[in-house]
Amino acid sequence: MARLAKETPVGVLGAGAMGGGIAQVAARAGHPVVLADTSEAQLVKARDDFARALARDVEKGRLTSEQSSAIADRVAHVVRGPE
């Protein structure tokens, strides 16, 4: 399987446990990510869960705060309903 270049954007539909996790993995790999869901509450939960995971990695010395911020900044959260 071919690898994606880091600048290749990744779109994830659905911010539940699976979608949020996929967005995290892609952002940690260096990709810009768009995480979309019809529920703003679900997007907030996904963003908060990711922030907690990043904070834990900073606490444990696996990431610097600058790296953590850069990873978090790669993810755009978009509320999108049916049209």
N, C-alpha and C. Protein backbone atom coordinates (compact mmCIF):
# COMPACT_ATOMS: atom_id res chain seq x y z
N MET A 1 0.84 -1.16 0.00
CA MET A 1 0.00 0.00 0.00
C MET A 1 0.89 1.24 0.00
N ALA A 2 0.53 2.21 -0.79
CA ALA A 2 1.31 3.46 -0.88
C ALA A 2 1.05 4.34 0.34
N ARG A 3 2.09 5.02 0.79
CA ARG A 3 1.96 5.96 1.90
C ARG A 3 1.50 7.31 1.37
N LEU A 4 0.73 8.00 2.18
CA LEU A 4 0.33 9.36 1.83
C LEU A 4 1.41 10.33 2.24
N ALA A 5 1.63 11.33 1.42
CA ALA A 5 2.56 12.39 1.80
C ALA A 5 1.96 13.15 2.98
N LYS A 6 2.82 13.69 3.85
CA LYS A 6 2.33 14.38 5.05
C LYS A 6 1.41 15.55 4.73
N GLU A 7 1.60 16.18 3.59
CA GLU A 7 0.75 17.33 3.26
C GLU A 7 -0.60 16.92 2.68
N THR A 8 -0.82 15.61 2.47
CA THR A 8 -2.10 15.13 1.95
C THR A 8 -3.17 15.27 3.03
N PRO A 9 -4.24 16.03 2.75
CA PRO A 9 -5.30 16.18 3.74
C PRO A 9 -6.08 14.89 3.90
N VAL A 10 -6.59 14.69 5.11
CA VAL A 10 -7.40 13.52 5.43
C VAL A 10 -8.75 14.02 5.92
N GLY A 11 -9.83 13.50 5.36
CA GLY A 11 -11.18 13.82 5.80
C GLY A 11 -11.77 12.64 6.54
N VAL A 12 -12.40 12.92 7.67
CA VAL A 12 -13.03 11.87 8.48
C VAL A 12 -14.47 12.28 8.71
N LEU A 13 -15.40 11.40 8.31
CA LEU A 13 -16.82 11.66 8.53
C LEU A 13 -17.28 10.90 9.76
N GLY A 14 -17.70 11.64 10.76
CA GLY A 14 -18.17 11.06 12.00
C GLY A 14 -17.11 11.20 13.08
N ALA A 15 -17.48 11.87 14.18
CA ALA A 15 -16.54 12.16 15.25
C ALA A 15 -16.74 11.26 16.46
N GLY A 16 -17.32 10.10 16.24
CA GLY A 16 -17.47 9.14 17.33
C GLY A 16 -16.12 8.54 17.71
N ALA A 17 -16.14 7.46 18.46
CA ALA A 17 -14.90 6.84 18.93
C ALA A 17 -13.97 6.48 17.76
N MET A 18 -14.50 5.87 16.75
CA MET A 18 -13.67 5.47 15.60
C MET A 18 -13.18 6.69 14.81
N GLY A 19 -14.08 7.58 14.46
CA GLY A 19 -13.71 8.75 13.67
C GLY A 19 -12.73 9.64 14.41
N GLY A 20 -12.98 9.86 15.70
CA GLY A 20 -12.07 10.67 16.49
C GLY A 20 -10.69 10.05 16.57
N GLY A 21 -10.65 8.73 16.72
CA GLY A 21 -9.36 8.02 16.77
C GLY A 21 -8.61 8.09 15.46
N ILE A 22 -9.33 7.94 14.36
CA ILE A 22 -8.70 8.03 13.04
C ILE A 22 -8.14 9.44 12.82
N ALA A 23 -8.89 10.45 13.22
CA ALA A 23 -8.42 11.83 13.09
C ALA A 23 -7.15 12.03 13.91
N GLN A 24 -7.11 11.47 15.12
CA GLN A 24 -5.92 11.59 15.97
C GLN A 24 -4.70 10.97 15.31
N VAL A 25 -4.86 9.76 14.80
CA VAL A 25 -3.74 9.05 14.18
C VAL A 25 -3.23 9.84 12.97
N ALA A 26 -4.14 10.34 12.15
CA ALA A 26 -3.74 11.09 10.96
C ALA A 26 -3.03 12.39 11.35
N ALA A 27 -3.54 13.10 12.34
CA ALA A 27 -2.92 14.36 12.77
C ALA A 27 -1.54 14.10 13.37
N ARG A 28 -1.41 13.05 14.15
CA ARG A 28 -0.10 12.71 14.73
C ARG A 28 0.91 12.33 13.65
N ALA A 29 0.41 11.81 12.52
CA ALA A 29 1.30 11.43 11.42
C ALA A 29 1.68 12.64 10.57
N GLY A 30 1.09 13.82 10.87
CA GLY A 30 1.47 15.03 10.17
C GLY A 30 0.47 15.53 9.15
N HIS A 31 -0.65 14.86 8.99
CA HIS A 31 -1.64 15.26 8.00
C HIS A 31 -2.56 16.36 8.51
N PRO A 32 -2.94 17.29 7.64
CA PRO A 32 -4.04 18.18 8.00
C PRO A 32 -5.33 17.35 7.96
N VAL A 33 -6.19 17.52 8.94
CA VAL A 33 -7.38 16.68 9.06
C VAL A 33 -8.63 17.54 9.16
N VAL A 34 -9.67 17.13 8.46
CA VAL A 34 -11.00 17.72 8.63
C VAL A 34 -11.87 16.63 9.25
N LEU A 35 -12.35 16.88 10.45
CA LEU A 35 -13.23 15.95 11.16
C LEU A 35 -14.62 16.54 11.13
N ALA A 36 -15.55 15.88 10.45
CA ALA A 36 -16.90 16.41 10.26
C ALA A 36 -17.93 15.49 10.91
N ASP A 37 -18.94 16.12 11.48
CA ASP A 37 -20.04 15.37 12.09
C ASP A 37 -21.28 16.26 12.05
N THR A 38 -22.44 15.66 12.15
CA THR A 38 -23.68 16.44 12.19
C THR A 38 -23.95 16.95 13.60
N SER A 39 -23.24 16.43 14.58
CA SER A 39 -23.45 16.80 15.97
C SER A 39 -22.30 17.65 16.50
N GLU A 40 -22.62 18.89 16.87
CA GLU A 40 -21.59 19.75 17.45
C GLU A 40 -21.10 19.18 18.77
N ALA A 41 -22.01 18.60 19.54
CA ALA A 41 -21.63 18.01 20.83
C ALA A 41 -20.62 16.88 20.64
N GLN A 42 -20.80 16.08 19.60
CA GLN A 42 -19.87 14.98 19.35
C GLN A 42 -18.50 15.51 18.94
N LEU A 43 -18.48 16.58 18.16
CA LEU A 43 -17.21 17.20 17.78
C LEU A 43 -16.49 17.79 18.98
N VAL A 44 -17.23 18.41 19.88
CA VAL A 44 -16.63 18.96 21.10
C VAL A 44 -16.04 17.83 21.94
N LYS A 45 -16.78 16.73 22.07
CA LYS A 45 -16.28 15.58 22.83
C LYS A 45 -15.00 15.03 22.20
N ALA A 46 -14.99 14.89 20.88
CA ALA A 46 -13.80 14.38 20.18
C ALA A 46 -12.61 15.32 20.38
N ARG A 47 -12.85 16.61 20.30
CA ARG A 47 -11.77 17.60 20.50
C ARG A 47 -11.25 17.53 21.94
N ASP A 48 -12.15 17.43 22.91
CA ASP A 48 -11.75 17.35 24.31
C ASP A 48 -10.98 16.06 24.61
N ASP A 49 -11.45 14.94 24.05
CA ASP A 49 -10.75 13.66 24.24
C ASP A 49 -9.34 13.73 23.67
N PHE A 50 -9.20 14.33 22.50
CA PHE A 50 -7.89 14.45 21.86
C PHE A 50 -6.98 15.36 22.69
N ALA A 51 -7.54 16.45 23.19
CA ALA A 51 -6.75 17.37 24.02
C ALA A 51 -6.24 16.66 25.27
N ARG A 52 -7.10 15.83 25.88
CA ARG A 52 -6.67 15.07 27.07
C ARG A 52 -5.55 14.08 26.72
N ALA A 53 -5.67 13.41 25.59
CA ALA A 53 -4.65 12.45 25.17
C ALA A 53 -3.32 13.16 24.91
N LEU A 54 -3.38 14.32 24.27
CA LEU A 54 -2.16 15.08 24.01
C LEU A 54 -1.54 15.59 25.32
N ALA A 55 -2.37 16.06 26.23
CA ALA A 55 -1.87 16.55 27.53
C ALA A 55 -1.19 15.42 28.30
N ARG A 56 -1.76 14.23 28.22
CA ARG A 56 -1.16 13.06 28.88
C ARG A 56 0.20 12.75 28.28
N ASP A 57 0.32 12.86 26.96
CA ASP A 57 1.60 12.61 26.30
C ASP A 57 2.64 13.66 26.67
N VAL A 58 2.20 14.89 26.87
CA VAL A 58 3.12 15.95 27.31
C VAL A 58 3.58 15.65 28.74
N GLU A 59 2.63 15.30 29.60
CA GLU A 59 2.95 14.96 31.00
C GLU A 59 3.98 13.84 31.10
N LYS A 60 3.83 12.85 30.23
CA LYS A 60 4.72 11.69 30.27
C LYS A 60 6.01 11.91 29.50
N GLY A 61 6.17 13.09 28.90
CA GLY A 61 7.39 13.41 28.18
C GLY A 61 7.49 12.82 26.79
N ARG A 62 6.37 12.32 26.27
CA ARG A 62 6.38 11.76 24.91
C ARG A 62 6.28 12.84 23.85
N LEU A 63 5.73 14.01 24.24
CA LEU A 63 5.61 15.15 23.34
C LEU A 63 5.98 16.41 24.11
N THR A 64 6.45 17.41 23.38
CA THR A 64 6.60 18.73 23.99
C THR A 64 5.27 19.46 23.85
N SER A 65 5.10 20.54 24.59
CA SER A 65 3.86 21.30 24.46
C SER A 65 3.74 21.90 23.06
N GLU A 66 4.88 22.25 22.45
CA GLU A 66 4.86 22.78 21.08
C GLU A 66 4.39 21.72 20.09
N GLN A 67 4.89 20.50 20.25
CA GLN A 67 4.46 19.40 19.37
C GLN A 67 2.97 19.14 19.56
N SER A 68 2.53 19.13 20.80
CA SER A 68 1.12 18.90 21.10
C SER A 68 0.23 19.95 20.43
N SER A 69 0.63 21.20 20.54
CA SER A 69 -0.15 22.28 19.92
C SER A 69 -0.17 22.15 18.40
N ALA A 70 0.96 21.80 17.82
CA ALA A 70 1.03 21.64 16.36
C ALA A 70 0.11 20.52 15.89
N ILE A 71 0.08 19.43 16.64
CA ILE A 71 -0.79 18.30 16.29
C ILE A 71 -2.25 18.72 16.39
N ALA A 72 -2.62 19.35 17.49
CA ALA A 72 -4.01 19.78 17.69
C ALA A 72 -4.44 20.77 16.61
N ASP A 73 -3.53 21.65 16.21
CA ASP A 73 -3.84 22.66 15.19
C ASP A 73 -4.08 22.06 13.81
N ARG A 74 -3.65 20.84 13.60
CA ARG A 74 -3.85 20.20 12.28
C ARG A 74 -5.28 19.74 12.06
N VAL A 75 -6.09 19.69 13.13
CA VAL A 75 -7.45 19.16 13.03
C VAL A 75 -8.47 20.29 12.99
N ALA A 76 -9.24 20.34 11.91
CA ALA A 76 -10.36 21.27 11.80
C ALA A 76 -11.63 20.49 12.10
N HIS A 77 -12.47 21.04 12.98
CA HIS A 77 -13.73 20.39 13.36
C HIS A 77 -14.87 21.11 12.65
N VAL A 78 -15.65 20.35 11.90
CA VAL A 78 -16.69 20.96 11.07
C VAL A 78 -18.04 20.30 11.37
N VAL A 79 -19.03 21.13 11.70
CA VAL A 79 -20.40 20.63 11.87
C VAL A 79 -21.08 20.74 10.52
N ARG A 80 -21.55 19.64 10.05
CA ARG A 80 -22.20 19.64 8.73
C ARG A 80 -23.43 18.76 8.78
N GLY A 81 -24.57 19.34 8.52
CA GLY A 81 -25.82 18.60 8.52
C GLY A 81 -26.24 18.22 7.11
N PRO A 82 -27.25 17.40 7.00
CA PRO A 82 -27.75 17.03 5.66
C PRO A 82 -28.33 18.25 4.95
N GLU A 83 -28.16 18.26 3.67
CA GLU A 83 -28.66 19.41 2.89
C GLU A 83 -29.85 19.02 2.07
